[in-house]
Amino acid sequence: MENISYYTIFTLSKPKTSASVKHIYFAVSLILYLLIITFNLTLIVIILLEKTLHEPMYIFLCNLCINGLYGTAGFYPKFLCDLFSDSFEISYSLCTLQAFVIYSFTMCEFATLTVMAYDRYIAICRPLNYHSIMTNTLIVKLLLFSWLFPVLSMVGALLMTNSMPICRSHIDKLYCDNWSIVKLSCKPTINNNIYGTTIIIMYFLMVLFIIFSYFKLISSCMKSAEGKSKFMQTCVPHLLSLVNFTFALLFDTMYSRYGSRDFSQDLYNFLTLEFLVIPPVLNPIIYGLKLTEVRKRALRVFINVKVRLA
């Protein structure tokens, strides 16, 4: 162990393309990031300004959009700088910060989707008790859970990672994540694996809860035309967000640990970025178009803006 080198600068994976193609990547990434900021901020502002939308479902949706802005801020500015300067390097401290932001974002996304599933379950399966159950106190507790649990989980993971000596410096991704940093260590990663498996099991339990709640929701909604309409309007957007995010995250997790090096690098880069690209830009669109109250308020805002500019 005497010959171990301790690196403070890491190199990230580079897109294997020409300089002209990288300029296209930069333009597309910048436009995408601006769309993510615009769509999510629009939905957040509409929900905050419209008092009629100050209900649990819309508050949790607002939290989902805030988390989308938080997570993408951990990736896009650094990625855009790398494409612009063609220098895919990052310091150890910034790499750790990026891993913290991206991992806590993914965990918060799952926790928020779980909270939203619980809210829909109470609203549809126990409508008469909805307001007595979903009190302001419970809403605050659920919001705290969706943020504190991911943050504390990630702090524990990074404290374990930061105690390990690093003897390699290349991260085979376009961004830093905790597992990529762990793989650079020369020491055995058994404790990290155990901790990571524990966290995965806890989130798997959240998935089981969501599946259970949807079985209840579907069985309850199929009994009446009104129930079917309510399910299609409020539950389908949540279900689309959940399925998309789950599959993207599952691919990234499984490939990071068991992936083959024969996999196309370009396709791999896209799939590992999918949870940072598709959900943040599609979530506000899906909910904005599907939820009637949000759609009405959004149209009203755009009409007012158009009138003022005219």
Protein backbone atom coordinates (compact mmCIF):
# COMPACT_ATOMS: atom_id res chain seq x y z
CA MET A 1 0.00 0.00 0.00
CA GLU A 2 3.05 2.29 0.09
CA ASN A 3 2.78 3.13 -3.63
CA ILE A 4 -0.78 4.42 -3.55
CA SER A 5 -1.23 7.80 -5.22
CA TYR A 6 -3.80 10.23 -3.89
CA TYR A 7 -5.45 12.14 -6.74
CA THR A 8 -7.10 15.53 -6.33
CA ILE A 9 -8.06 15.99 -9.99
CA PHE A 10 -10.26 13.54 -11.90
CA THR A 11 -10.86 13.23 -15.63
CA LEU A 12 -14.37 12.59 -16.89
CA SER A 13 -15.35 10.61 -19.96
CA LYS A 14 -15.34 12.65 -23.19
CA PRO A 15 -17.90 12.32 -25.97
CA LYS A 16 -16.03 10.63 -28.83
CA THR A 17 -16.96 13.15 -31.49
CA SER A 18 -15.36 15.84 -33.62
CA ALA A 19 -15.09 19.46 -32.52
CA SER A 20 -17.98 20.52 -34.78
CA VAL A 21 -20.27 17.86 -33.32
CA LYS A 22 -19.34 18.98 -29.79
CA HIS A 23 -20.59 22.46 -30.71
CA ILE A 24 -23.90 20.89 -31.68
CA TYR A 25 -23.96 19.00 -28.36
CA PHE A 26 -23.29 22.30 -26.57
CA ALA A 27 -26.13 24.09 -28.36
CA VAL A 28 -28.61 21.24 -27.81
CA SER A 29 -27.61 20.89 -24.13
CA LEU A 30 -27.92 24.65 -23.56
CA ILE A 31 -31.36 24.79 -25.18
CA LEU A 32 -32.48 21.75 -23.20
CA TYR A 33 -31.26 23.25 -19.92
CA LEU A 34 -33.01 26.55 -20.66
CA LEU A 35 -36.23 24.64 -21.41
CA ILE A 36 -35.92 22.74 -18.13
CA ILE A 37 -35.48 26.01 -16.21
CA THR A 38 -38.35 27.72 -18.07
CA PHE A 39 -40.88 24.88 -17.80
CA ASN A 40 -40.20 24.09 -14.15
CA LEU A 41 -40.05 27.72 -13.03
CA THR A 42 -43.30 28.46 -14.86
CA LEU A 43 -45.10 25.65 -13.08
CA ILE A 44 -43.60 26.61 -9.71
CA VAL A 45 -44.63 30.28 -10.09
CA ILE A 46 -48.16 29.34 -11.21
CA ILE A 47 -48.64 27.05 -8.21
CA LEU A 48 -47.21 29.60 -5.77
CA LEU A 49 -49.25 32.53 -7.07
CA GLU A 50 -52.60 30.76 -7.50
CA LYS A 51 -54.19 30.27 -4.07
CA THR A 52 -56.63 27.72 -5.51
CA LEU A 53 -53.63 25.48 -6.24
CA HIS A 54 -52.40 25.50 -2.64
CA GLU A 55 -53.50 21.91 -2.15
CA PRO A 56 -51.35 18.84 -1.32
CA MET A 57 -51.23 17.45 -4.88
CA TYR A 58 -49.99 20.73 -6.36
CA ILE A 59 -47.61 21.42 -3.47
CA PHE A 60 -45.94 18.05 -4.04
CA LEU A 61 -45.84 18.76 -7.78
CA CYS A 62 -44.13 22.07 -7.00
CA ASN A 63 -41.60 20.16 -4.89
CA LEU A 64 -40.98 17.80 -7.83
CA CYS A 65 -40.21 20.78 -10.09
CA ILE A 66 -37.91 22.37 -7.49
CA ASN A 67 -36.04 19.10 -7.23
CA GLY A 68 -35.75 18.96 -11.03
CA LEU A 69 -34.07 22.39 -11.02
CA TYR A 70 -31.80 21.34 -8.15
CA GLY A 71 -30.64 18.11 -9.79
CA THR A 72 -30.02 19.53 -13.25
CA ALA A 73 -28.03 22.41 -11.73
CA GLY A 74 -25.61 19.76 -10.52
CA PHE A 75 -24.96 18.53 -14.06
CA TYR A 76 -25.64 20.98 -16.90
CA PRO A 77 -23.43 23.98 -15.93
CA LYS A 78 -20.37 21.73 -15.51
CA PHE A 79 -21.16 19.71 -18.65
CA LEU A 80 -21.64 22.88 -20.72
CA CYS A 81 -18.33 24.26 -19.45
CA ASP A 82 -16.60 20.98 -20.37
CA LEU A 83 -18.04 21.04 -23.89
CA PHE A 84 -17.11 24.69 -24.34
CA SER A 85 -13.53 24.38 -23.04
CA ASP A 86 -12.99 20.74 -24.10
CA SER A 87 -11.48 20.10 -20.66
CA PHE A 88 -13.29 17.25 -18.96
CA GLU A 89 -11.54 17.59 -15.62
CA ILE A 90 -12.94 18.12 -12.15
CA SER A 91 -11.43 18.56 -8.71
CA TYR A 92 -12.06 16.01 -5.99
CA SER A 93 -14.14 18.45 -3.94
CA LEU A 94 -16.32 19.50 -6.90
CA CYS A 95 -16.67 15.86 -7.93
CA THR A 96 -17.93 15.03 -4.45
CA LEU A 97 -20.34 17.98 -4.55
CA GLN A 98 -21.67 16.92 -7.95
CA ALA A 99 -22.15 13.35 -6.76
CA PHE A 100 -24.01 14.64 -3.71
CA VAL A 101 -26.35 16.84 -5.77
CA ILE A 102 -27.12 14.24 -8.44
CA TYR A 103 -27.60 11.35 -6.00
CA SER A 104 -29.72 13.35 -3.56
CA PHE A 105 -31.76 14.59 -6.54
CA THR A 106 -32.52 11.03 -7.65
CA MET A 107 -33.42 9.96 -4.12
CA CYS A 108 -35.59 13.05 -3.58
CA GLU A 109 -37.35 12.39 -6.89
CA PHE A 110 -38.24 8.87 -5.80
CA ALA A 111 -39.28 10.00 -2.33
CA THR A 112 -41.49 12.76 -3.80
CA LEU A 113 -43.11 10.33 -6.25
CA THR A 114 -43.81 8.03 -3.29
CA VAL A 115 -45.39 10.89 -1.34
CA MET A 116 -47.49 11.79 -4.39
CA ALA A 117 -48.66 8.17 -4.68
CA TYR A 118 -49.73 8.27 -1.03
CA ASP A 119 -51.60 11.54 -1.62
CA ARG A 120 -53.47 10.07 -4.61
CA TYR A 121 -54.28 6.92 -2.64
CA ILE A 122 -55.88 8.95 0.17
CA ALA A 123 -57.68 11.27 -2.28
CA ILE A 124 -59.27 8.49 -4.32
CA CYS A 125 -59.63 5.59 -1.89
CA ARG A 126 -60.56 7.63 1.20
CA PRO A 127 -62.02 10.89 -0.20
CA LEU A 128 -64.23 11.64 2.83
CA ASN A 129 -61.21 11.57 5.15
CA TYR A 130 -58.81 13.32 2.76
CA HIS A 131 -58.67 16.75 4.41
CA SER A 132 -58.60 15.31 7.93
CA ILE A 133 -55.63 13.10 6.99
CA MET A 134 -53.69 15.45 4.69
CA THR A 135 -53.31 18.24 7.21
CA ASN A 136 -50.74 21.03 6.91
CA THR A 137 -48.63 19.31 9.55
CA LEU A 138 -48.55 16.05 7.59
CA ILE A 139 -47.76 17.89 4.35
CA VAL A 140 -44.75 19.54 6.01
CA LYS A 141 -43.59 16.19 7.40
CA LEU A 142 -43.89 14.54 3.98
CA LEU A 143 -41.94 17.37 2.34
CA LEU A 144 -39.23 17.11 5.00
CA PHE A 145 -39.08 13.34 4.48
CA SER A 146 -38.67 13.76 0.71
CA TRP A 147 -35.61 15.99 1.28
CA LEU A 148 -34.03 14.98 4.59
CA PHE A 149 -33.92 11.23 3.98
CA PRO A 150 -32.08 11.59 0.62
CA VAL A 151 -29.70 14.24 1.98
CA LEU A 152 -28.81 12.27 5.11
CA SER A 153 -28.44 9.05 3.09
CA MET A 154 -26.07 10.78 0.69
CA VAL A 155 -24.06 12.42 3.47
CA GLY A 156 -23.46 9.00 5.01
CA ALA A 157 -22.40 7.51 1.67
CA LEU A 158 -19.97 10.32 0.89
CA LEU A 159 -18.42 10.28 4.36
CA MET A 160 -17.58 6.62 3.82
CA THR A 161 -16.25 7.34 0.33
CA ASN A 162 -14.10 10.28 1.45
CA SER A 163 -12.35 8.08 4.00
CA MET A 164 -11.03 5.79 1.24
CA PRO A 165 -7.69 6.34 -0.55
CA ILE A 166 -8.00 7.09 -4.27
CA CYS A 167 -5.44 5.48 -6.58
CA ARG A 168 -7.01 6.12 -10.00
CA SER A 169 -8.25 9.31 -11.58
CA HIS A 170 -10.51 8.50 -14.54
CA ILE A 171 -14.29 8.42 -14.13
CA ASP A 172 -15.99 6.58 -16.97
CA LYS A 173 -18.98 8.94 -17.04
CA LEU A 174 -19.81 12.46 -18.12
CA TYR A 175 -20.43 13.36 -14.48
CA CYS A 176 -19.36 12.25 -11.00
CA ASP A 177 -21.40 9.85 -8.93
CA ASN A 178 -20.61 8.15 -5.66
CA TRP A 179 -20.15 4.65 -7.07
CA SER A 180 -17.72 5.91 -9.73
CA ILE A 181 -15.61 7.52 -7.01
CA VAL A 182 -15.75 4.35 -4.89
CA LYS A 183 -14.44 2.29 -7.82
CA LEU A 184 -11.32 4.48 -7.93
CA SER A 185 -10.27 3.33 -4.47
CA CYS A 186 -7.56 0.76 -3.86
CA LYS A 187 -9.21 -0.51 -0.70
CA PRO A 188 -12.02 -3.10 -0.58
CA THR A 189 -15.46 -1.51 -0.95
CA ILE A 190 -17.41 -4.03 1.14
CA ASN A 191 -18.73 -1.46 3.62
CA ASN A 192 -19.78 0.88 0.81
CA ASN A 193 -21.55 -2.02 -0.93
CA ILE A 194 -23.42 -2.94 2.24
CA TYR A 195 -24.45 0.68 2.85
CA GLY A 196 -25.47 1.13 -0.78
CA THR A 197 -27.47 -2.10 -0.75
CA THR A 198 -29.28 -0.97 2.39
CA ILE A 199 -30.27 2.31 0.74
CA ILE A 200 -31.40 0.48 -2.42
CA ILE A 201 -33.56 -1.86 -0.32
CA MET A 202 -35.21 1.11 1.39
CA TYR A 203 -36.06 2.66 -1.97
CA PHE A 204 -37.23 -0.71 -3.24
CA LEU A 205 -39.69 -0.70 -0.35
CA MET A 206 -40.92 2.67 -1.60
CA VAL A 207 -41.49 1.11 -5.02
CA LEU A 208 -43.46 -1.72 -3.40
CA PHE A 209 -45.58 0.86 -1.57
CA ILE A 210 -46.27 2.69 -4.85
CA ILE A 211 -47.24 -0.60 -6.55
CA PHE A 212 -49.53 -1.48 -3.64
CA SER A 213 -51.16 1.96 -3.69
CA TYR A 214 -51.79 1.71 -7.43
CA PHE A 215 -53.40 -1.70 -7.10
CA LYS A 216 -55.76 -0.11 -4.60
CA LEU A 217 -56.26 2.95 -6.81
CA ILE A 218 -57.07 0.93 -9.92
CA SER A 219 -59.47 -1.37 -8.11
CA SER A 220 -61.23 1.64 -6.58
CA CYS A 221 -61.34 3.73 -9.77
CA MET A 222 -62.68 0.99 -12.04
CA LYS A 223 -65.94 0.90 -10.07
CA SER A 224 -67.29 4.15 -11.53
CA ALA A 225 -66.93 6.44 -14.53
CA GLU A 226 -66.06 9.33 -12.20
CA GLY A 227 -63.30 7.25 -10.62
CA LYS A 228 -61.88 6.36 -14.04
CA SER A 229 -61.85 10.04 -15.02
CA LYS A 230 -60.11 11.06 -11.79
CA PHE A 231 -57.53 8.30 -12.24
CA MET A 232 -56.77 9.34 -15.83
CA GLN A 233 -56.48 13.00 -14.89
CA THR A 234 -54.39 12.86 -11.72
CA CYS A 235 -52.72 9.44 -11.62
CA VAL A 236 -51.58 8.85 -15.20
CA PRO A 237 -49.09 11.79 -15.17
CA HIS A 238 -47.63 10.46 -11.92
CA LEU A 239 -47.43 6.95 -13.34
CA LEU A 240 -45.67 8.15 -16.51
CA SER A 241 -43.12 10.10 -14.45
CA LEU A 242 -42.53 7.13 -12.17
CA VAL A 243 -42.05 4.54 -14.94
CA ASN A 244 -39.73 6.79 -16.95
CA PHE A 245 -37.59 7.74 -13.96
CA THR A 246 -37.46 4.19 -12.57
CA PHE A 247 -36.25 2.60 -15.79
CA ALA A 248 -33.64 5.30 -16.39
CA LEU A 249 -32.33 4.98 -12.86
CA LEU A 250 -32.40 1.18 -12.96
CA PHE A 251 -30.30 1.12 -16.13
CA ASP A 252 -27.74 3.52 -14.69
CA THR A 253 -27.48 1.55 -11.42
CA MET A 254 -27.21 -1.87 -13.07
CA TYR A 255 -24.79 -0.80 -15.79
CA SER A 256 -22.49 0.97 -13.32
CA ARG A 257 -22.03 -2.32 -11.48
CA TYR A 258 -22.48 -5.06 -14.09
CA GLY A 259 -22.30 -3.33 -17.49
CA SER A 260 -20.32 -4.66 -20.44
CA ARG A 261 -17.56 -2.58 -22.02
CA ASP A 262 -18.78 -3.71 -25.45
CA PHE A 263 -21.80 -1.43 -25.04
CA SER A 264 -21.87 1.54 -27.44
CA GLN A 265 -20.32 4.52 -25.63
CA ASP A 266 -22.67 7.07 -27.22
CA LEU A 267 -25.74 5.02 -26.34
CA TYR A 268 -24.36 4.45 -22.85
CA ASN A 269 -23.83 8.20 -22.36
CA PHE A 270 -27.40 8.93 -23.43
CA LEU A 271 -28.96 6.26 -21.22
CA THR A 272 -26.96 7.28 -18.15
CA LEU A 273 -28.07 10.88 -18.69
CA GLU A 274 -31.70 10.04 -19.39
CA PHE A 275 -32.85 10.59 -15.79
CA LEU A 276 -31.22 14.06 -15.91
CA VAL A 277 -32.72 14.90 -19.30
CA ILE A 278 -36.20 13.44 -19.80
CA PRO A 279 -37.97 13.71 -16.39
CA PRO A 280 -36.96 17.34 -15.62
CA VAL A 281 -38.22 18.58 -18.99
CA LEU A 282 -41.24 16.28 -19.36
CA ASN A 283 -42.65 16.38 -15.81
CA PRO A 284 -43.91 19.99 -16.00
CA ILE A 285 -45.25 19.37 -19.52
CA ILE A 286 -47.07 16.16 -18.57
CA TYR A 287 -48.60 17.64 -15.42
CA GLY A 288 -49.26 21.02 -17.03
CA LEU A 289 -51.20 19.47 -19.89
CA LYS A 290 -52.97 16.75 -17.91
CA LEU A 291 -54.01 18.57 -14.75
CA THR A 292 -56.95 20.79 -15.69
CA GLU A 293 -56.44 23.43 -12.99
CA VAL A 294 -52.75 23.87 -13.82
CA ARG A 295 -53.49 24.04 -17.54
CA LYS A 296 -56.16 26.73 -17.03
CA ARG A 297 -53.84 28.88 -14.90
CA ALA A 298 -50.96 28.46 -17.33
CA LEU A 299 -53.12 29.55 -20.27
CA ARG A 300 -54.37 32.52 -18.27
CA VAL A 301 -50.79 33.59 -17.47
CA PHE A 302 -49.66 33.31 -21.09
CA ILE A 303 -52.72 35.23 -22.33
CA ASN A 304 -52.08 38.03 -19.81
CA VAL A 305 -48.41 38.21 -20.84
CA LYS A 306 -49.42 38.33 -24.52
CA VAL A 307 -51.91 41.13 -23.87
CA ARG A 308 -49.34 43.21 -21.98
CA LEU A 309 -46.76 42.77 -24.74
CA ALA A 310 -49.28 43.65 -27.46
